[in-house]
Protein backbone atom coordinates (compact mmCIF):
# COMPACT_ATOMS: atom_id res chain seq x y z
CA MET A 1 73.73 9.79 17.84
CA THR A 2 75.79 11.47 20.70
CA PRO A 3 78.78 9.98 22.14
CA LYS A 4 78.66 9.01 25.48
CA TYR A 5 82.14 10.74 25.69
CA THR A 6 84.80 12.34 24.33
CA LEU A 7 88.86 12.25 24.78
CA ARG A 8 90.38 15.43 25.23
CA CYS A 9 94.10 16.57 25.49
CA ILE A 10 94.06 18.43 28.80
CA GLN A 11 97.13 20.59 27.16
CA GLY A 12 96.01 21.01 23.58
CA GLY A 13 92.66 20.57 23.51
CA GLU A 14 92.77 18.05 20.80
CA ASP A 15 90.37 15.81 19.90
CA ALA A 16 91.60 11.76 20.39
CA PRO A 17 90.05 8.62 19.47
CA GLU A 18 88.30 6.40 20.48
CA HIS A 19 90.55 2.63 20.66
CA TYR A 20 91.54 2.66 24.15
CA THR A 21 93.36 5.54 23.61
CA THR A 22 95.57 6.66 26.98
CA SER A 23 98.16 8.92 25.23
CA CYS A 24 97.58 12.33 22.93
CA PRO A 25 97.61 12.12 19.63
CA CYS A 26 99.88 14.92 18.21
CA GLY A 27 102.24 14.14 21.12
CA HIS A 28 101.60 16.60 24.18
CA ALA A 29 103.12 15.99 27.25
CA SER A 30 99.58 15.75 28.78
CA LEU A 31 96.57 13.60 30.28
CA LEU A 32 93.33 12.41 28.01
CA ARG A 33 90.59 13.62 30.13
CA ALA A 34 87.15 11.72 28.99
CA GLU A 35 84.19 15.04 28.61
CA TYR A 36 80.52 13.27 29.09
CA SER A 37 78.39 14.09 26.66
CA LYS A 38 75.42 14.14 30.04
CA LYS A 39 76.09 16.91 32.65
CA GLN A 40 74.16 16.35 34.90
CA LEU A 41 75.39 13.07 37.29
CA THR A 42 71.87 11.03 37.35
CA VAL A 43 72.87 7.85 39.80
CA ARG A 44 71.19 4.56 38.65
CA ASN A 45 69.90 1.84 39.76
CA LEU A 46 72.13 -0.49 38.95
CA PRO A 47 75.23 -2.56 41.43
CA GLY A 48 77.80 -0.91 43.03
CA ILE A 49 79.99 1.19 40.76
CA PHE A 50 78.05 1.36 37.86
CA ARG A 51 75.51 3.66 39.50
CA PHE A 52 77.06 6.38 38.42
CA CYS A 53 77.96 4.23 34.52
CA ASP A 54 76.34 8.06 32.51
CA TRP A 55 80.04 9.43 33.90
CA LEU A 56 82.45 5.61 33.34
CA PRO A 57 84.19 5.09 30.09
CA ILE A 58 81.67 2.27 29.23
CA HIS A 59 79.08 1.43 27.25
CA ARG A 60 77.81 -1.42 29.20
CA THR A 61 78.10 -3.00 32.31
CA LEU A 62 78.46 -6.14 35.10
CA PRO A 63 75.98 -7.57 37.08
CA ILE A 64 79.10 -6.86 39.91
CA VAL A 65 78.32 -5.15 43.45
CA SER A 66 82.41 -3.75 43.82
CA GLY A 67 81.64 -0.07 44.42
CA PRO A 68 82.35 2.79 46.69
CA VAL A 69 81.00 3.36 50.19
CA CYS A 70 80.37 6.96 52.18
CA PHE A 71 79.36 7.59 55.55
CA ARG A 72 78.94 9.97 58.30
CA SER A 73 81.71 9.00 60.70
CA ILE A 74 80.68 9.38 64.95
CA ALA A 75 83.49 7.71 66.70
CA LEU A 76 86.80 9.18 65.29
CA SER A 77 84.56 12.58 64.32
CA ARG A 78 84.17 13.01 68.24
CA GLU A 79 87.65 12.27 68.59
CA LEU A 80 89.04 14.69 66.69
CA GLY A 81 86.13 17.41 67.06
CA ILE A 82 85.60 17.39 63.61
CA PRO A 83 81.86 17.31 63.40
CA ASN A 84 81.51 17.01 59.37
CA LEU A 85 83.76 14.09 59.10
CA TYR A 86 83.01 11.80 56.46
CA ILE A 87 84.10 8.22 55.62
CA GLY A 88 84.74 7.02 51.87
CA PHE A 89 85.49 2.78 52.82
CA ASN A 90 86.43 0.71 49.92
CA GLY A 91 87.49 -2.07 51.22
CA TYR A 92 84.95 -5.34 52.61
CA TRP A 93 82.63 -3.91 55.44
CA PRO A 94 79.40 -5.64 55.00
CA GLU A 95 77.43 -3.96 58.06
CA ARG A 96 78.67 -0.84 56.43
CA GLY A 97 78.22 -1.71 52.74
CA GLY A 98 81.30 -2.14 52.11
CA THR A 99 81.52 -5.44 49.23
CA ILE A 100 84.78 -4.86 48.02
CA THR A 101 86.34 -8.41 47.93
CA THR A 102 89.76 -7.83 47.44
CA CYS A 103 89.63 -4.93 50.65
CA SER A 104 91.27 -2.02 48.04
CA PHE A 105 89.98 0.61 45.79
CA LYS A 106 91.46 -0.64 43.52
CA GLU A 107 88.50 -2.52 41.77
CA LEU A 108 87.00 0.49 41.32
CA GLU A 109 90.00 0.76 38.77
CA ALA A 110 89.73 -2.59 37.64
CA LEU A 111 86.15 -2.86 36.90
CA PRO A 112 85.68 0.00 34.10
CA THR A 113 88.50 -0.65 32.53
CA VAL A 114 88.55 -4.19 31.56
CA ILE A 115 84.90 -3.53 30.19
CA ARG A 116 86.88 -0.61 28.08
CA MET A 117 89.58 -2.47 26.85
CA GLN A 118 86.74 -5.13 25.39
CA GLU A 119 84.79 -2.40 24.19
CA GLN A 120 87.10 -0.70 22.59
CA ARG A 121 91.03 -3.10 21.74
CA PRO A 122 90.12 -6.60 22.97
CA ALA A 123 93.47 -8.06 23.72
CA THR A 124 95.63 -9.67 26.66
CA LEU A 125 95.64 -6.77 29.19
CA VAL A 126 98.72 -6.12 31.28
CA ILE A 127 98.85 -4.46 34.70
CA ALA A 128 101.63 -3.89 37.44
CA SER A 129 101.20 -3.86 40.20
CA ALA A 130 102.56 -3.47 43.67
CA GLY A 131 99.97 -5.61 45.57
CA ASN A 132 96.89 -4.22 45.56
CA THR A 133 95.75 -3.17 41.52
CA GLY A 134 97.21 -6.34 40.71
CA ARG A 135 94.93 -8.26 43.32
CA ALA A 136 92.27 -6.03 41.84
CA PHE A 137 92.85 -7.50 37.98
CA LEU A 138 93.03 -10.65 39.06
CA GLN A 139 89.49 -10.76 40.63
CA VAL A 140 87.87 -9.38 37.67
CA SER A 141 89.21 -11.81 35.68
CA ALA A 142 87.91 -13.77 38.60
CA LEU A 143 85.22 -13.07 38.01
CA THR A 144 84.09 -12.26 34.83
CA GLY A 145 86.57 -15.14 32.67
CA ILE A 146 88.41 -11.88 30.97
CA PRO A 147 92.71 -13.15 30.66
CA VAL A 148 94.81 -10.86 32.42
CA VAL A 149 98.55 -10.97 32.87
CA VAL A 150 99.84 -9.61 36.63
CA VAL A 151 103.21 -8.07 36.76
CA VAL A 152 104.33 -7.48 40.59
CA PRO A 153 107.13 -7.47 42.78
CA GLU A 154 108.23 -10.59 43.76
CA LYS A 155 107.78 -9.97 47.40
CA ALA A 156 104.00 -8.33 46.93
CA ILE A 157 102.96 -11.86 45.76
CA GLU A 158 101.19 -13.01 49.34
CA ARG A 159 98.89 -9.71 47.99
CA LEU A 160 97.70 -11.92 45.62
CA TRP A 161 94.39 -13.37 46.57
CA THR A 162 90.46 -14.36 44.77
CA THR A 163 87.22 -15.25 46.26
CA ALA A 164 87.20 -17.43 42.85
CA PRO A 165 89.79 -19.79 40.66
CA ALA A 166 91.23 -16.66 38.66
CA ASP A 167 92.50 -19.64 35.63
CA LYS A 168 92.46 -16.92 32.98
CA ALA A 169 94.85 -14.77 34.77
CA VAL A 170 99.39 -14.99 34.45
CA VAL A 171 101.02 -13.84 37.22
CA ILE A 172 105.08 -13.07 36.91
CA ALA A 173 107.15 -11.84 39.99
CA VAL A 174 109.75 -9.50 39.09
CA THR A 175 112.58 -9.21 41.82
CA GLY A 176 112.79 -5.66 42.42
CA ASP A 177 110.24 -2.74 43.71
CA TYR A 178 107.61 -1.82 42.10
CA THR A 179 108.83 0.54 39.40
CA ASP A 180 111.11 -3.09 37.81
CA ALA A 181 107.78 -4.57 37.61
CA ILE A 182 106.12 -1.74 35.67
CA ARG A 183 109.41 -2.56 33.65
CA PHE A 184 108.90 -5.87 33.09
CA SER A 185 105.17 -5.56 32.12
CA ARG A 186 106.05 -2.59 29.26
CA GLU A 187 108.08 -5.70 27.68
CA ILE A 188 105.75 -7.69 27.97
CA CYS A 189 103.55 -5.51 25.59
CA THR A 190 106.18 -5.06 22.83
CA LEU A 191 104.58 -8.48 21.90
CA PRO A 192 101.07 -8.92 19.76
CA GLN A 193 97.97 -9.13 21.31
CA PHE A 194 99.45 -7.88 24.55
CA LEU A 195 98.00 -4.43 25.72
CA GLU A 196 99.26 -1.95 28.30
CA GLU A 197 97.38 -1.18 31.01
CA GLY A 198 97.62 1.96 30.84
CA GLY A 199 97.78 2.99 34.52
CA ALA A 200 97.28 7.20 35.25
CA LYS A 201 96.32 7.41 31.89
CA ASN A 202 94.21 5.36 31.77
CA VAL A 203 90.92 7.32 31.82
CA ALA A 204 88.99 4.40 32.98
CA ARG A 205 91.21 3.73 35.82
CA ARG A 206 90.61 7.05 36.79
CA ASP A 207 86.96 7.49 36.11
CA GLY A 208 86.39 4.65 38.22
CA MET A 209 88.24 5.90 41.59
CA GLY A 210 86.56 9.13 40.50
CA THR A 211 83.41 7.60 42.18
CA VAL A 212 84.27 7.87 45.32
CA MET A 213 84.08 11.33 44.93
CA LEU A 214 80.85 10.62 43.40
CA ASP A 215 79.53 9.29 45.32
CA ALA A 216 80.60 10.91 48.12
CA ALA A 217 78.78 14.05 47.09
CA VAL A 218 75.66 12.18 46.22
CA THR A 219 75.97 11.21 50.04
CA ILE A 220 76.60 14.75 51.73
CA GLY A 221 74.58 16.19 49.34
CA ARG A 222 77.47 18.72 48.51
CA MET A 223 80.92 18.25 47.56
CA PRO A 224 83.83 17.64 50.88
CA ASP A 225 86.04 20.78 51.73
CA TYR A 226 88.33 18.80 52.31
CA TYR A 227 89.59 15.81 50.69
CA PHE A 228 92.26 13.31 52.44
CA GLN A 229 93.98 10.47 50.83
CA ALA A 230 97.45 8.26 50.72
CA ILE A 231 99.50 8.90 47.41
CA GLY A 232 102.01 6.34 45.80
CA SER A 233 101.20 7.25 42.18
CA GLY A 234 99.01 10.27 42.28
CA THR A 235 96.29 8.33 40.43
CA GLY A 236 93.76 8.88 42.62
CA GLY A 237 94.52 12.22 44.22
CA ILE A 238 93.66 14.08 40.35
CA ALA A 239 90.81 11.17 39.26
CA ALA A 240 89.18 12.79 43.23
CA TRP A 241 89.94 16.20 41.38
CA GLU A 242 88.46 15.24 37.49
CA ALA A 243 85.47 13.88 39.14
CA ALA A 244 84.86 17.07 41.13
CA LEU A 245 85.23 19.49 38.45
CA ARG A 246 82.85 17.32 36.81
CA LEU A 247 80.34 18.27 40.30
CA VAL A 248 81.05 21.86 39.92
CA GLY A 249 79.48 21.32 36.09
CA ASP A 250 76.47 19.79 37.34
CA GLY A 251 75.88 22.94 39.21
CA ARG A 252 74.07 20.81 41.98
CA PHE A 253 76.90 19.60 44.56
CA GLY A 254 78.88 23.23 45.04
CA SER A 255 81.17 25.30 43.13
CA ARG A 256 84.55 25.40 44.76
CA LEU A 257 86.62 22.60 44.77
CA PRO A 258 87.68 20.58 47.71
CA GLU A 259 91.42 20.94 48.75
CA LEU A 260 93.28 17.35 48.32
CA HIS A 261 95.48 17.21 51.21
CA LEU A 262 97.49 14.21 49.70
CA SER A 263 100.10 12.37 51.60
CA GLN A 264 103.07 9.52 50.89
CA ASN A 265 104.85 7.38 53.91
CA LEU A 266 108.39 8.24 55.04
CA PRO A 267 111.78 7.97 54.73
CA PHE A 268 110.18 7.45 50.67
CA VAL A 269 108.01 11.13 49.54
CA PRO A 270 109.39 12.80 46.36
CA MET A 271 106.04 14.50 45.61
CA VAL A 272 105.86 15.67 49.02
CA ALA A 273 109.42 17.23 48.36
CA ALA A 274 108.57 18.63 44.98
CA TRP A 275 105.51 19.76 45.65
CA ASN A 276 107.07 21.74 49.28
CA GLU A 277 108.78 23.60 46.68
CA ARG A 278 106.01 24.13 43.92
CA ARG A 279 108.11 21.73 41.28
CA ARG A 280 106.18 20.89 38.74
CA ASN A 281 109.20 18.27 37.90
CA LEU A 282 111.01 15.72 40.19
CA VAL A 283 114.79 15.22 40.71
CA PRO A 284 115.22 12.06 41.97
CA ASP A 285 118.80 12.65 43.03
CA THR A 286 117.61 15.38 46.29
CA ASP A 287 113.05 13.57 46.12
CA MET A 288 114.46 9.97 46.11
CA PRO A 289 117.53 9.46 46.64
CA ASP A 290 118.90 6.17 47.41
CA ALA A 291 115.60 5.43 46.61
CA GLN A 292 115.53 1.41 46.78
CA ALA A 293 116.59 1.76 50.46
CA ALA A 294 114.14 4.36 51.38
CA ILE A 295 111.49 2.07 50.04
CA SER A 296 111.98 -0.64 51.66
CA GLN A 297 111.70 0.85 54.87
CA VAL A 298 107.81 2.56 54.62
CA TYR A 299 105.11 0.71 56.36
CA SER A 300 103.10 1.15 53.20
CA ASP A 301 105.34 0.07 50.30
CA VAL A 302 102.28 0.63 47.87
CA LEU A 303 103.14 3.57 47.91
CA THR A 304 106.45 4.27 46.12
CA ASN A 305 106.12 4.51 42.54
CA ARG A 306 109.86 5.79 41.10
CA GLU A 307 107.61 7.07 37.94
CA PRO A 308 104.10 8.91 39.33
CA PRO A 309 102.11 11.18 37.02
CA TYR A 310 103.55 14.06 38.79
CA ALA A 311 104.18 16.28 36.53
CA ILE A 312 102.53 15.68 33.39
CA THR A 313 100.12 17.72 31.96
CA GLY A 314 96.66 17.22 33.90
CA GLY A 315 98.97 15.04 36.61
CA VAL A 316 99.02 15.63 40.27
CA PHE A 317 100.93 19.08 40.42
CA ASP A 318 97.76 20.42 38.74
CA ALA A 319 95.68 18.96 40.63
CA LEU A 320 97.03 20.22 43.79
CA THR A 321 97.74 24.10 42.46
CA ALA A 322 94.17 23.55 41.70
CA THR A 323 92.36 22.85 45.04
CA SER A 324 95.01 24.64 46.58
CA GLY A 325 96.27 21.88 47.82
CA ARG A 326 98.98 20.30 50.87
CA MET A 327 100.88 17.19 50.74
CA TYR A 328 102.13 15.05 54.11
CA ALA A 329 105.27 13.08 55.25
CA ILE A 330 104.00 10.30 57.65
CA SER A 331 106.56 8.80 58.73
CA ASN A 332 105.84 4.51 59.94
CA ASP A 333 105.23 5.45 63.77
CA GLU A 334 103.02 7.91 63.13
CA ALA A 335 100.67 5.17 61.00
CA ARG A 336 100.79 2.16 63.19
CA ALA A 337 99.44 4.87 65.70
CA ALA A 338 96.63 6.07 63.19
CA GLU A 339 95.74 2.38 62.75
CA LYS A 340 95.60 1.15 65.65
CA LEU A 341 92.98 4.17 66.85
CA PHE A 342 91.43 3.96 63.41
CA MET A 343 90.47 0.29 64.62
CA ASP A 344 89.62 1.63 68.28
CA LEU A 345 86.88 4.29 67.70
CA GLU A 346 85.52 2.99 64.18
CA GLY A 347 86.28 -1.50 64.75
CA ILE A 348 87.92 -2.12 61.57
CA ASP A 349 91.13 -2.81 60.00
CA LEU A 350 92.90 -1.18 57.41
CA ASP A 351 95.31 -1.09 54.57
CA PRO A 352 98.37 0.50 55.57
CA ALA A 353 97.66 3.15 52.60
CA ALA A 354 94.66 4.12 54.18
CA THR A 355 96.60 4.23 58.06
CA VAL A 356 98.78 6.78 56.16
CA CYS A 357 95.86 8.79 55.14
CA VAL A 358 93.84 8.55 57.99
CA ALA A 359 97.77 9.63 60.78
CA SER A 360 96.91 12.69 57.64
CA LEU A 361 94.27 14.12 59.01
CA LEU A 362 95.91 13.79 62.60
CA GLN A 363 98.68 15.87 61.42
CA ALA A 364 96.35 18.04 60.35
CA CYS A 365 94.44 18.12 63.11
CA GLU A 366 96.96 18.77 65.02
CA ALA A 367 99.42 21.79 62.04
CA GLY A 368 95.58 23.68 63.03
CA THR A 369 95.84 23.13 59.02
CA ILE A 370 91.78 22.42 58.67
CA ASP A 371 88.65 24.56 59.65
CA LYS A 372 87.41 21.58 61.73
CA GLN A 373 84.31 23.50 61.33
CA LYS A 374 84.38 22.59 58.26
CA THR A 375 83.30 19.28 56.08
CA VAL A 376 86.40 16.69 55.44
CA PHE A 377 86.23 13.51 53.54
CA LEU A 378 88.28 10.53 54.07
CA ASN A 379 89.14 8.50 51.80
CA ILE A 380 89.88 5.00 52.94
CA THR A 381 90.77 3.31 50.32
CA GLY A 382 91.38 -0.37 51.61
CA GLY A 383 90.61 -2.43 54.72
CA GLY A 384 88.37 -5.25 55.83
CA TYR A 385 90.95 -8.16 55.90
CA ALA A 386 90.55 -10.08 58.94
CA ARG A 387 86.68 -9.13 58.13
CA VAL A 388 87.18 -10.81 54.23
CA GLN A 389 88.21 -14.32 55.80
CA LYS A 390 84.95 -14.68 58.26
CA ASP A 391 83.27 -14.69 54.66
CA HIS A 392 85.11 -16.04 52.00
CA ALA A 393 87.11 -18.31 51.11
CA LEU A 394 90.68 -16.97 49.95
CA ILE A 395 92.17 -18.17 47.46
CA PRO A 396 96.18 -17.09 46.84
CA VAL A 397 97.70 -17.02 43.03
CA ARG A 398 101.14 -18.13 42.59
CA PRO A 399 102.90 -16.79 39.94
CA SER A 400 103.92 -18.05 36.88
CA PHE A 401 107.14 -16.93 36.23
CA THR A 402 109.91 -14.42 38.47
CA VAL A 403 112.71 -12.55 36.53
CA PRO A 404 115.51 -10.34 37.74
CA ALA A 405 114.75 -6.64 37.65
CA GLY A 406 115.67 -5.18 34.32
CA ALA A 407 114.77 -9.05 32.43
CA LEU A 408 113.67 -8.34 29.07
CA ILE A 409 110.69 -10.63 27.33
CA ASP A 410 113.12 -13.10 25.90
CA VAL A 411 114.26 -14.60 28.99
CA ILE A 412 110.66 -16.79 29.54
CA LYS A 413 109.37 -15.85 26.39
CA GLN A 414 108.34 -19.09 24.27
CA GLU A 415 106.94 -20.59 27.44
CA PHE A 416 105.51 -17.37 28.82
CA LEU A 417 103.37 -17.45 25.42
CA GLU A 418 102.22 -20.90 25.89
CA THR A 419 101.11 -20.33 29.13
CA VAL A 420 98.97 -16.88 28.16
CA LYS A 421 97.52 -19.69 25.22
CA SER A 422 96.49 -22.18 27.38
CA CYS A 423 95.02 -19.60 29.35
CA VAL A 424 92.67 -17.63 26.74
């Protein structure tokens, strides 16, 4: 029987064995990519994200309705003079079909990631997050009973909530930023039976987010000319590019890749700085001097990854290069103005990261960097926080442990293992 998909190293071209594999077995500094046996997209009669299960690296589905939604804008379209403006809304807005109760497109990553782990290498999954990803994995854990460990910066704890009790989850707060949370999550994964989720290297995460592009192409009838998104790690941009490559291979949605228009929040804009000089590698002293101070000043701190998959083969640099893309640096004032404009015109509140994205579209219109007569797709990666509270009782998830930045797992090892054991 032909396998559903094969993992292939983008740099070397060799196949990789699938056991929740996230790195090239030959040691290349490259992402792996899932190559699916079905070259044409079939939209299944299944709920949410699972409509696109043929292009997800999983073999079973769940009865969970979270999925991407795309619609043609009227009010914002008229305001900006873009007749073919489409909005991908990935949050909670039931009037528009938005059913993601965590209000973030990170739930599109969490669902296939958890399923892939269970199918390929059962373990306790460890996730590092700036807040939104952690909330998504906690929600999936709450709905499925699958245990997870979530590590977040201490200031992100207020963003952790679910709509069902997350009894199988353990949360650890780190007194630092997102990168400090990532580093402590790796500490946990030195222990047996704990599996690092993998971030951008995880094909399930990327292909889950890639369903946003698939949904847009199916709704519009073709791929958009321009794709706008705010990025922290850039994984969503990579995912959009990979999904577009598959759609080109399908042959029914156009042959030209959408231009990626990606944005970051000033004053923390390392990928913008590097891309504007067409440098593959980030230079910390140049691109993010005094990173912690810069991170403390942004409107959207989920866009502040100090170790993004920018230079790696198949990463953000390659995605921008392949699509003739652009990057935008957005100030806090620009983001807040865009937030108000979108709320006034479209009628729903946005995640701060999504406001950065909207602001980048406004900036592009003002600078004339896009042809307004072409098709524009705006990926709203989160929103509906006020709306979800009308329909659901939100359950806060509190940390079991708080550790300092740079801590080793030994500081909580015994108590941590006992806590996890009680949850499994």
